Amino acid sequence: MTLTSYRVLNYGAIGSVLGHELTHGFDDTGRKHDKYGNYREWWTNETRETFEEKIECFVKQYDNFTFEGVEKHVQGKKTLGENLADNGGLSHAYRAYHSYLKEHGPEPKLPGFENFTNNQLFFIAFGSIWCETITIDDLESQIEFDEHSPNNVRVLGSLQNSKEFAQAFNCPAGSKMNPNENK
């Protein structure tokens, strides 16, 4: 098998990006456009109210991401749509991978990574797409002007909100990577 034929890596990496883009159709901006792309509120009042309550948790969570040596912190309200899409994309890709497994059966172990389960490899593949080296100046600029959270926050925030990640890596309830309030 070639590296690209391991579905777990494809679903974790490109699958989460595709899921991210699909999630935008239902985020804080996408919810305001109907199936034809016309500006129209199509959610019920109850759906809108529930959404507004739930997004406050995301805003608070992402507001708390800080960086050593940087005075600014992530602005959860400004990055909300992208944070929702990152979380949704990860969740959709994970479910899609498990749908694939139900139909096709388990994948063989990836050579050299036998100590990891395929569920763990899924999350490793997800994290790997966001690897970068960034200067303090670029980080400060991104925090101030970009609607996306910094890449490490995109990974940490999404994984903190994933029950499947916590199960795959046995993260204790209440720990940094399995905080009770984010589930």
N, C-alpha and C. Protein backbone atom coordinates (compact mmCIF):
# COMPACT_ATOMS: atom_id res chain seq x y z
N MET A 1 0.84 -1.19 0.00
CA MET A 1 0.00 0.00 0.00
C MET A 1 0.88 1.25 0.00
N THR A 2 0.43 2.26 -0.71
CA THR A 2 1.14 3.53 -0.67
C THR A 2 0.57 4.38 0.46
N LEU A 3 1.32 5.37 0.87
CA LEU A 3 0.89 6.23 1.96
C LEU A 3 -0.45 6.89 1.66
N THR A 4 -0.66 7.32 0.43
CA THR A 4 -1.91 8.00 0.07
C THR A 4 -3.10 7.06 0.00
N SER A 5 -2.85 5.76 0.02
CA SER A 5 -3.97 4.83 -0.03
C SER A 5 -4.53 4.53 1.35
N TYR A 6 -3.91 5.03 2.39
CA TYR A 6 -4.46 4.87 3.73
C TYR A 6 -5.58 5.88 3.92
N ARG A 7 -6.78 5.39 3.91
CA ARG A 7 -7.95 6.27 3.99
C ARG A 7 -7.94 7.11 5.26
N VAL A 8 -7.45 6.54 6.36
CA VAL A 8 -7.45 7.28 7.62
C VAL A 8 -6.71 8.60 7.48
N LEU A 9 -5.61 8.62 6.75
CA LEU A 9 -4.84 9.85 6.57
C LEU A 9 -5.60 10.84 5.69
N ASN A 10 -6.23 10.33 4.65
CA ASN A 10 -7.00 11.19 3.75
C ASN A 10 -8.21 11.80 4.45
N TYR A 11 -8.93 10.98 5.20
CA TYR A 11 -10.10 11.50 5.90
C TYR A 11 -9.68 12.52 6.97
N GLY A 12 -8.62 12.22 7.72
CA GLY A 12 -8.17 13.13 8.77
C GLY A 12 -7.67 14.46 8.23
N ALA A 13 -7.02 14.44 7.08
CA ALA A 13 -6.44 15.66 6.52
C ALA A 13 -7.42 16.35 5.57
N ILE A 14 -7.52 15.87 4.35
CA ILE A 14 -8.36 16.55 3.36
C ILE A 14 -9.84 16.44 3.70
N GLY A 15 -10.23 15.35 4.34
CA GLY A 15 -11.64 15.20 4.74
C GLY A 15 -12.08 16.28 5.70
N SER A 16 -11.20 16.63 6.65
CA SER A 16 -11.56 17.68 7.60
C SER A 16 -11.62 19.05 6.93
N VAL A 17 -10.81 19.27 5.91
CA VAL A 17 -10.85 20.54 5.17
C VAL A 17 -12.15 20.62 4.36
N LEU A 18 -12.51 19.53 3.70
CA LEU A 18 -13.78 19.51 2.95
C LEU A 18 -14.96 19.70 3.89
N GLY A 19 -14.93 19.01 5.03
CA GLY A 19 -15.98 19.17 6.03
C GLY A 19 -16.06 20.60 6.55
N HIS A 20 -14.90 21.22 6.71
CA HIS A 20 -14.83 22.63 7.14
C HIS A 20 -15.63 23.51 6.18
N GLU A 21 -15.37 23.34 4.90
CA GLU A 21 -16.05 24.18 3.91
C GLU A 21 -17.55 23.90 3.88
N LEU A 22 -17.95 22.65 4.01
CA LEU A 22 -19.38 22.33 4.04
C LEU A 22 -20.06 22.93 5.26
N THR A 23 -19.35 22.95 6.39
CA THR A 23 -19.92 23.48 7.62
C THR A 23 -20.24 24.97 7.50
N HIS A 24 -19.51 25.68 6.66
CA HIS A 24 -19.79 27.11 6.48
C HIS A 24 -21.23 27.36 6.03
N GLY A 25 -21.85 26.38 5.42
CA GLY A 25 -23.24 26.54 5.00
C GLY A 25 -24.21 26.65 6.16
N PHE A 26 -23.73 26.34 7.38
CA PHE A 26 -24.61 26.32 8.54
C PHE A 26 -24.03 27.10 9.71
N ASP A 27 -23.03 27.92 9.45
CA ASP A 27 -22.40 28.67 10.54
C ASP A 27 -23.07 30.03 10.71
N ASP A 28 -22.41 30.94 11.41
CA ASP A 28 -23.02 32.23 11.72
C ASP A 28 -23.29 33.08 10.48
N THR A 29 -22.63 32.79 9.37
CA THR A 29 -22.90 33.51 8.12
C THR A 29 -23.78 32.68 7.19
N GLY A 30 -23.44 31.41 7.01
CA GLY A 30 -24.18 30.54 6.10
C GLY A 30 -25.63 30.37 6.47
N ARG A 31 -25.94 30.49 7.74
CA ARG A 31 -27.33 30.34 8.18
C ARG A 31 -28.23 31.43 7.64
N LYS A 32 -27.64 32.48 7.12
CA LYS A 32 -28.41 33.62 6.63
C LYS A 32 -28.68 33.55 5.13
N HIS A 33 -28.35 32.43 4.51
CA HIS A 33 -28.56 32.27 3.07
C HIS A 33 -29.32 30.98 2.80
N ASP A 34 -30.31 31.05 1.93
CA ASP A 34 -31.09 29.85 1.63
C ASP A 34 -30.35 28.96 0.63
N LYS A 35 -31.02 27.90 0.21
CA LYS A 35 -30.37 26.92 -0.67
C LYS A 35 -29.98 27.49 -2.03
N TYR A 36 -30.51 28.65 -2.37
CA TYR A 36 -30.17 29.30 -3.64
C TYR A 36 -29.10 30.39 -3.46
N GLY A 37 -28.66 30.59 -2.23
CA GLY A 37 -27.66 31.62 -1.96
C GLY A 37 -28.25 32.99 -1.69
N ASN A 38 -29.58 33.07 -1.66
CA ASN A 38 -30.24 34.34 -1.38
C ASN A 38 -30.21 34.64 0.11
N TYR A 39 -30.01 35.92 0.45
CA TYR A 39 -30.01 36.32 1.85
C TYR A 39 -31.42 36.15 2.40
N ARG A 40 -31.55 35.26 3.37
CA ARG A 40 -32.86 35.00 3.97
C ARG A 40 -32.65 34.22 5.26
N GLU A 41 -33.30 34.65 6.31
CA GLU A 41 -33.28 33.89 7.56
C GLU A 41 -34.18 32.67 7.37
N TRP A 42 -33.61 31.48 7.41
CA TRP A 42 -34.40 30.28 7.18
C TRP A 42 -34.49 29.39 8.41
N TRP A 43 -33.82 29.79 9.48
CA TRP A 43 -33.90 29.04 10.72
C TRP A 43 -35.14 29.46 11.51
N THR A 44 -35.68 28.52 12.30
CA THR A 44 -36.77 28.87 13.20
C THR A 44 -36.20 29.70 14.35
N ASN A 45 -37.08 30.38 15.07
CA ASN A 45 -36.63 31.15 16.24
C ASN A 45 -35.97 30.24 17.27
N GLU A 46 -36.53 29.06 17.46
CA GLU A 46 -35.97 28.12 18.43
C GLU A 46 -34.56 27.68 18.02
N THR A 47 -34.38 27.38 16.75
CA THR A 47 -33.05 26.99 16.25
C THR A 47 -32.06 28.13 16.43
N ARG A 48 -32.47 29.33 16.10
CA ARG A 48 -31.60 30.50 16.22
C ARG A 48 -31.20 30.73 17.68
N GLU A 49 -32.16 30.63 18.59
CA GLU A 49 -31.87 30.85 20.01
C GLU A 49 -30.92 29.78 20.55
N THR A 50 -31.14 28.54 20.17
CA THR A 50 -30.25 27.45 20.61
C THR A 50 -28.85 27.67 20.07
N PHE A 51 -28.74 28.04 18.82
CA PHE A 51 -27.45 28.32 18.20
C PHE A 51 -26.73 29.45 18.95
N GLU A 52 -27.44 30.52 19.23
CA GLU A 52 -26.84 31.67 19.92
C GLU A 52 -26.32 31.27 21.30
N GLU A 53 -27.06 30.43 22.00
CA GLU A 53 -26.61 29.95 23.32
C GLU A 53 -25.33 29.13 23.19
N LYS A 54 -25.31 28.23 22.23
CA LYS A 54 -24.17 27.33 22.08
C LYS A 54 -22.91 28.05 21.59
N ILE A 55 -23.07 29.05 20.75
CA ILE A 55 -21.86 29.71 20.23
C ILE A 55 -21.14 30.51 21.31
N GLU A 56 -21.85 30.90 22.35
CA GLU A 56 -21.18 31.63 23.44
C GLU A 56 -20.07 30.78 24.06
N CYS A 57 -20.28 29.47 24.13
CA CYS A 57 -19.24 28.57 24.64
C CYS A 57 -18.01 28.61 23.75
N PHE A 58 -18.22 28.62 22.44
CA PHE A 58 -17.10 28.70 21.50
C PHE A 58 -16.35 30.02 21.65
N VAL A 59 -17.10 31.11 21.75
CA VAL A 59 -16.47 32.42 21.88
C VAL A 59 -15.60 32.46 23.13
N LYS A 60 -16.14 32.00 24.26
CA LYS A 60 -15.37 32.00 25.51
C LYS A 60 -14.15 31.11 25.41
N GLN A 61 -14.33 29.92 24.86
CA GLN A 61 -13.21 28.99 24.73
C GLN A 61 -12.07 29.62 23.93
N TYR A 62 -12.38 30.16 22.78
CA TYR A 62 -11.34 30.70 21.91
C TYR A 62 -10.78 32.03 22.44
N ASP A 63 -11.58 32.80 23.16
CA ASP A 63 -11.07 34.02 23.81
C ASP A 63 -9.94 33.69 24.79
N ASN A 64 -9.96 32.50 25.34
CA ASN A 64 -8.98 32.12 26.36
C ASN A 64 -7.66 31.62 25.80
N PHE A 65 -7.52 31.52 24.50
CA PHE A 65 -6.24 31.11 23.92
C PHE A 65 -5.30 32.31 23.89
N THR A 66 -4.18 32.17 24.60
CA THR A 66 -3.17 33.22 24.66
C THR A 66 -1.84 32.65 24.20
N PHE A 67 -0.87 33.53 24.00
CA PHE A 67 0.44 33.13 23.50
C PHE A 67 1.53 33.82 24.31
N GLU A 68 2.52 33.05 24.69
CA GLU A 68 3.64 33.60 25.44
C GLU A 68 4.36 34.65 24.59
N GLY A 69 4.59 35.81 25.20
CA GLY A 69 5.30 36.88 24.50
C GLY A 69 4.43 37.72 23.59
N VAL A 70 3.13 37.45 23.59
CA VAL A 70 2.19 38.19 22.73
C VAL A 70 1.11 38.78 23.62
N GLU A 71 0.89 40.08 23.51
CA GLU A 71 -0.11 40.73 24.35
C GLU A 71 -1.54 40.43 23.91
N LYS A 72 -1.73 40.17 22.65
CA LYS A 72 -3.07 39.92 22.11
C LYS A 72 -3.47 38.46 22.34
N HIS A 73 -4.77 38.23 22.36
CA HIS A 73 -5.29 36.87 22.43
C HIS A 73 -6.28 36.67 21.29
N VAL A 74 -6.61 35.42 21.03
CA VAL A 74 -7.58 35.11 19.98
C VAL A 74 -8.90 35.80 20.31
N GLN A 75 -9.54 36.33 19.30
CA GLN A 75 -10.84 36.99 19.47
C GLN A 75 -11.94 36.02 19.03
N GLY A 76 -12.53 35.36 20.00
CA GLY A 76 -13.50 34.31 19.72
C GLY A 76 -14.67 34.74 18.88
N LYS A 77 -15.12 35.96 19.05
CA LYS A 77 -16.26 36.45 18.26
C LYS A 77 -15.85 36.64 16.80
N LYS A 78 -14.68 37.23 16.57
CA LYS A 78 -14.22 37.50 15.21
C LYS A 78 -13.92 36.20 14.46
N THR A 79 -13.40 35.20 15.15
CA THR A 79 -13.00 33.95 14.51
C THR A 79 -14.09 32.88 14.58
N LEU A 80 -15.26 33.24 15.07
CA LEU A 80 -16.31 32.27 15.33
C LEU A 80 -16.66 31.39 14.13
N GLY A 81 -16.93 31.98 12.98
CA GLY A 81 -17.34 31.19 11.82
C GLY A 81 -16.30 30.16 11.43
N GLU A 82 -15.04 30.56 11.46
CA GLU A 82 -13.96 29.63 11.11
C GLU A 82 -13.77 28.57 12.19
N ASN A 83 -13.93 28.96 13.45
CA ASN A 83 -13.80 27.98 14.53
C ASN A 83 -14.91 26.94 14.46
N LEU A 84 -16.13 27.39 14.18
CA LEU A 84 -17.24 26.46 14.01
C LEU A 84 -16.97 25.51 12.85
N ALA A 85 -16.47 26.05 11.76
CA ALA A 85 -16.19 25.23 10.58
C ALA A 85 -15.06 24.23 10.85
N ASP A 86 -14.04 24.65 11.59
CA ASP A 86 -12.97 23.71 11.95
C ASP A 86 -13.51 22.55 12.78
N ASN A 87 -14.32 22.88 13.78
CA ASN A 87 -14.90 21.84 14.64
C ASN A 87 -15.85 20.94 13.86
N GLY A 88 -16.70 21.55 13.05
CA GLY A 88 -17.63 20.77 12.24
C GLY A 88 -16.92 19.91 11.23
N GLY A 89 -15.91 20.46 10.58
CA GLY A 89 -15.15 19.71 9.58
C GLY A 89 -14.50 18.48 10.17
N LEU A 90 -13.91 18.62 11.35
CA LEU A 90 -13.29 17.48 12.03
C LEU A 90 -14.33 16.42 12.36
N SER A 91 -15.44 16.85 12.89
CA SER A 91 -16.51 15.92 13.27
C SER A 91 -17.09 15.19 12.05
N HIS A 92 -17.36 15.93 10.98
CA HIS A 92 -17.91 15.32 9.77
C HIS A 92 -16.93 14.33 9.16
N ALA A 93 -15.66 14.69 9.12
CA ALA A 93 -14.64 13.80 8.53
C ALA A 93 -14.50 12.52 9.35
N TYR A 94 -14.56 12.64 10.66
CA TYR A 94 -14.44 11.46 11.53
C TYR A 94 -15.63 10.52 11.29
N ARG A 95 -16.82 11.08 11.23
CA ARG A 95 -18.00 10.25 10.97
C ARG A 95 -17.93 9.62 9.58
N ALA A 96 -17.47 10.38 8.61
CA ALA A 96 -17.34 9.84 7.24
C ALA A 96 -16.32 8.70 7.21
N TYR A 97 -15.22 8.84 7.91
CA TYR A 97 -14.22 7.77 7.97
C TYR A 97 -14.83 6.50 8.57
N HIS A 98 -15.59 6.66 9.63
CA HIS A 98 -16.20 5.48 10.25
C HIS A 98 -17.31 4.88 9.39
N SER A 99 -17.97 5.69 8.60
CA SER A 99 -18.93 5.15 7.62
C SER A 99 -18.19 4.33 6.57
N TYR A 100 -17.04 4.82 6.14
CA TYR A 100 -16.20 4.07 5.19
C TYR A 100 -15.80 2.72 5.79
N LEU A 101 -15.38 2.73 7.05
CA LEU A 101 -14.95 1.49 7.70
C LEU A 101 -16.09 0.47 7.80
N LYS A 102 -17.30 0.95 8.07
CA LYS A 102 -18.45 0.04 8.16
C LYS A 102 -18.68 -0.68 6.84
N GLU A 103 -18.46 0.03 5.76
CA GLU A 103 -18.69 -0.55 4.43
C GLU A 103 -17.52 -1.40 3.95
N HIS A 104 -16.29 -0.99 4.26
CA HIS A 104 -15.11 -1.64 3.69
C HIS A 104 -14.28 -2.44 4.69
N GLY A 105 -14.58 -2.35 5.95
CA GLY A 105 -13.81 -3.06 6.96
C GLY A 105 -12.58 -2.28 7.40
N PRO A 106 -11.88 -2.81 8.41
CA PRO A 106 -10.74 -2.08 8.97
C PRO A 106 -9.57 -2.00 8.01
N GLU A 107 -8.77 -0.95 8.20
CA GLU A 107 -7.56 -0.77 7.40
C GLU A 107 -6.38 -1.43 8.11
N PRO A 108 -5.37 -1.85 7.34
CA PRO A 108 -4.17 -2.38 7.99
C PRO A 108 -3.42 -1.27 8.71
N LYS A 109 -2.54 -1.66 9.62
CA LYS A 109 -1.72 -0.69 10.34
C LYS A 109 -0.75 0.00 9.38
N LEU A 110 -0.50 1.25 9.63
CA LEU A 110 0.45 2.02 8.84
C LEU A 110 1.86 1.65 9.28
N PRO A 111 2.70 1.15 8.38
CA PRO A 111 4.06 0.76 8.76
C PRO A 111 4.82 1.92 9.41
N GLY A 112 5.46 1.62 10.52
CA GLY A 112 6.20 2.63 11.26
C GLY A 112 5.36 3.33 12.31
N PHE A 113 4.05 3.12 12.26
CA PHE A 113 3.13 3.76 13.21
C PHE A 113 2.26 2.71 13.91
N GLU A 114 2.80 1.53 14.08
CA GLU A 114 2.02 0.43 14.65
C GLU A 114 1.58 0.70 16.09
N ASN A 115 2.24 1.62 16.78
CA ASN A 115 1.87 1.93 18.16
C ASN A 115 0.65 2.84 18.26
N PHE A 116 0.17 3.32 17.11
CA PHE A 116 -1.00 4.18 17.09
C PHE A 116 -2.19 3.42 16.52
N THR A 117 -3.36 3.67 17.08
CA THR A 117 -4.58 3.13 16.48
C THR A 117 -4.91 3.97 15.26
N ASN A 118 -5.78 3.46 14.41
CA ASN A 118 -6.19 4.25 13.25
C ASN A 118 -6.98 5.49 13.68
N ASN A 119 -7.74 5.39 14.78
CA ASN A 119 -8.43 6.58 15.26
C ASN A 119 -7.42 7.65 15.68
N GLN A 120 -6.34 7.24 16.33
CA GLN A 120 -5.30 8.20 16.69
C GLN A 120 -4.64 8.79 15.44
N LEU A 121 -4.38 7.95 14.45
CA LEU A 121 -3.77 8.44 13.20
C LEU A 121 -4.68 9.45 12.49
N PHE A 122 -5.98 9.26 12.59
CA PHE A 122 -6.91 10.22 12.01
C PHE A 122 -6.65 11.61 12.58
N PHE A 123 -6.56 11.70 13.91
CA PHE A 123 -6.35 13.00 14.55
C PHE A 123 -4.95 13.54 14.32
N ILE A 124 -3.97 12.66 14.22
CA ILE A 124 -2.61 13.10 13.88
C ILE A 124 -2.60 13.70 12.48
N ALA A 125 -3.29 13.06 11.54
CA ALA A 125 -3.37 13.59 10.17
C ALA A 125 -4.06 14.96 10.17
N PHE A 126 -5.11 15.10 10.97
CA PHE A 126 -5.79 16.39 11.08
C PHE A 126 -4.82 17.46 11.57
N GLY A 127 -4.11 17.18 12.64
CA GLY A 127 -3.18 18.17 13.19
C GLY A 127 -2.05 18.51 12.25
N SER A 128 -1.63 17.52 11.47
CA SER A 128 -0.46 17.73 10.61
C SER A 128 -0.70 18.76 9.50
N ILE A 129 -1.94 18.93 9.09
CA ILE A 129 -2.19 19.89 8.01
C ILE A 129 -2.03 21.33 8.47
N TRP A 130 -2.00 21.55 9.78
CA TRP A 130 -1.90 22.90 10.31
C TRP A 130 -0.51 23.23 10.86
N CYS A 131 0.47 22.36 10.63
CA CYS A 131 1.83 22.62 11.11
C CYS A 131 2.42 23.84 10.41
N GLU A 132 3.05 24.71 11.17
CA GLU A 132 3.69 25.89 10.59
C GLU A 132 4.71 26.46 11.56
N THR A 133 5.59 27.25 11.04
CA THR A 133 6.47 28.09 11.84
C THR A 133 6.04 29.52 11.57
N ILE A 134 5.83 30.29 12.64
CA ILE A 134 5.32 31.65 12.48
C ILE A 134 6.09 32.58 13.41
N THR A 135 6.38 33.77 12.94
CA THR A 135 7.07 34.75 13.78
C THR A 135 6.07 35.42 14.72
N ILE A 136 6.57 36.01 15.78
CA ILE A 136 5.72 36.74 16.72
C ILE A 136 4.98 37.87 15.99
N ASP A 137 5.66 38.59 15.13
CA ASP A 137 5.02 39.68 14.38
C ASP A 137 3.88 39.17 13.51
N ASP A 138 4.12 38.06 12.82
CA ASP A 138 3.07 37.49 11.97
C ASP A 138 1.91 36.97 12.81
N LEU A 139 2.21 36.39 13.96
CA LEU A 139 1.16 35.90 14.85
C LEU A 139 0.31 37.06 15.35
N GLU A 140 0.94 38.13 15.78
CA GLU A 140 0.19 39.30 16.25
C GLU A 140 -0.68 39.88 15.13
N SER A 141 -0.15 39.93 13.94
CA SER A 141 -0.91 40.43 12.79
C SER A 141 -2.10 39.52 12.49
N GLN A 142 -1.87 38.23 12.55
CA GLN A 142 -2.96 37.29 12.30
C GLN A 142 -4.06 37.44 13.34
N ILE A 143 -3.68 37.53 14.60
CA ILE A 143 -4.67 37.68 15.66
C ILE A 143 -5.49 38.96 15.46
N GLU A 144 -4.83 40.01 15.04
CA GLU A 144 -5.51 41.30 14.88
C GLU A 144 -6.40 41.36 13.64
N PHE A 145 -5.95 40.77 12.53
CA PHE A 145 -6.64 41.02 11.26
C PHE A 145 -7.33 39.81 10.63
N ASP A 146 -6.94 38.61 10.97
CA ASP A 146 -7.44 37.42 10.28
C ASP A 146 -8.68 36.87 10.97
N GLU A 147 -9.64 36.41 10.18
CA GLU A 147 -10.84 35.79 10.75
C GLU A 147 -10.60 34.34 11.14
N HIS A 148 -9.43 33.82 10.82
CA HIS A 148 -9.05 32.46 11.23
C HIS A 148 -8.22 32.54 12.51
N SER A 149 -8.42 31.59 13.40
CA SER A 149 -7.55 31.46 14.56
C SER A 149 -6.17 31.01 14.08
N PRO A 150 -5.12 31.30 14.86
CA PRO A 150 -3.81 30.74 14.51
C PRO A 150 -3.89 29.22 14.40
N ASN A 151 -3.04 28.65 13.57
CA ASN A 151 -3.14 27.22 13.25
C ASN A 151 -3.10 26.31 14.47
N ASN A 152 -2.22 26.60 15.45
CA ASN A 152 -2.18 25.73 16.62
C ASN A 152 -3.49 25.78 17.39
N VAL A 153 -4.16 26.92 17.39
CA VAL A 153 -5.45 27.06 18.06
C VAL A 153 -6.53 26.33 17.28
N ARG A 154 -6.43 26.34 15.97
CA ARG A 154 -7.40 25.60 15.15
C ARG A 154 -7.37 24.11 15.52
N VAL A 155 -6.17 23.61 15.77
CA VAL A 155 -6.03 22.20 16.15
C VAL A 155 -6.49 21.99 17.59
N LEU A 156 -5.90 22.74 18.52
CA LEU A 156 -6.21 22.54 19.94
C LEU A 156 -7.69 22.74 20.24
N GLY A 157 -8.29 23.81 19.72
CA GLY A 157 -9.70 24.07 19.99
C GLY A 157 -10.59 22.95 19.48
N SER A 158 -10.35 22.52 18.26
CA SER A 158 -11.18 21.44 17.68
C SER A 158 -11.01 20.14 18.45
N LEU A 159 -9.77 19.81 18.80
CA LEU A 159 -9.53 18.55 19.51
C LEU A 159 -10.09 18.60 20.93
N GLN A 160 -10.03 19.74 21.58
CA GLN A 160 -10.61 19.87 22.92
C GLN A 160 -12.12 19.62 22.90
N ASN A 161 -12.75 19.91 21.79
CA ASN A 161 -14.20 19.74 21.67
C ASN A 161 -14.61 18.38 21.13
N SER A 162 -13.66 17.51 20.87
CA SER A 162 -13.95 16.22 20.26
C SER A 162 -13.93 15.09 21.29
N LYS A 163 -15.11 14.52 21.55
CA LYS A 163 -15.19 13.35 22.44
C LYS A 163 -14.39 12.19 21.86
N GLU A 164 -14.42 12.08 20.54
CA GLU A 164 -13.72 10.98 19.87
C GLU A 164 -12.20 11.09 20.06
N PHE A 165 -11.68 12.31 20.03
CA PHE A 165 -10.25 12.52 20.29
C PHE A 165 -9.92 12.10 21.72
N ALA A 166 -10.72 12.56 22.67
CA ALA A 166 -10.48 12.23 24.07
C ALA A 166 -10.50 10.72 24.29
N GLN A 167 -11.42 10.03 23.63
CA GLN A 167 -11.48 8.57 23.74
C GLN A 167 -10.27 7.92 23.09
N ALA A 168 -9.89 8.38 21.91
CA ALA A 168 -8.78 7.78 21.18
C ALA A 168 -7.47 7.88 21.94
N PHE A 169 -7.27 8.99 22.65
CA PHE A 169 -6.01 9.21 23.36
C PHE A 169 -6.15 9.08 24.88
N ASN A 170 -7.31 8.60 25.33
CA ASN A 170 -7.55 8.38 26.76
C ASN A 170 -7.29 9.63 27.60
N CYS A 171 -7.80 10.75 27.15
CA CYS A 171 -7.63 12.01 27.89
C CYS A 171 -8.62 12.03 29.06
N PRO A 172 -8.13 12.20 30.28
CA PRO A 172 -9.04 12.20 31.43
C PRO A 172 -10.02 13.37 31.37
N ALA A 173 -11.23 13.14 31.83
CA ALA A 173 -12.23 14.20 31.90
C ALA A 173 -11.68 15.33 32.76
N GLY A 174 -11.87 16.55 32.30
CA GLY A 174 -11.39 17.71 33.03
C GLY A 174 -9.96 18.10 32.71
N SER A 175 -9.29 17.33 31.86
CA SER A 175 -7.91 17.65 31.48
C SER A 175 -7.91 18.72 30.38
N LYS A 176 -6.72 19.25 30.07
CA LYS A 176 -6.61 20.31 29.05
C LYS A 176 -7.22 19.88 27.72
N MET A 177 -7.02 18.63 27.32
CA MET A 177 -7.50 18.17 26.03
C MET A 177 -8.87 17.48 26.11
N ASN A 178 -9.49 17.50 27.28
CA ASN A 178 -10.84 16.96 27.44
C ASN A 178 -11.57 17.75 28.52
N PRO A 179 -11.66 19.08 28.32
CA PRO A 179 -12.33 19.90 29.33
C PRO A 179 -13.82 19.61 29.36
N ASN A 180 -14.37 19.48 30.53
CA ASN A 180 -15.78 19.12 30.67
C ASN A 180 -16.71 20.14 30.05
N GLU A 181 -16.37 21.42 30.16
CA GLU A 181 -17.29 22.46 29.71
C GLU A 181 -17.40 22.56 28.20
N ASN A 182 -16.51 21.92 27.45
CA ASN A 182 -16.55 22.06 25.99
C ASN A 182 -17.35 20.96 25.29
N LYS A 183 -17.93 20.05 26.00
CA LYS A 183 -18.62 18.93 25.36
C LYS A 183 -20.12 19.15 25.33
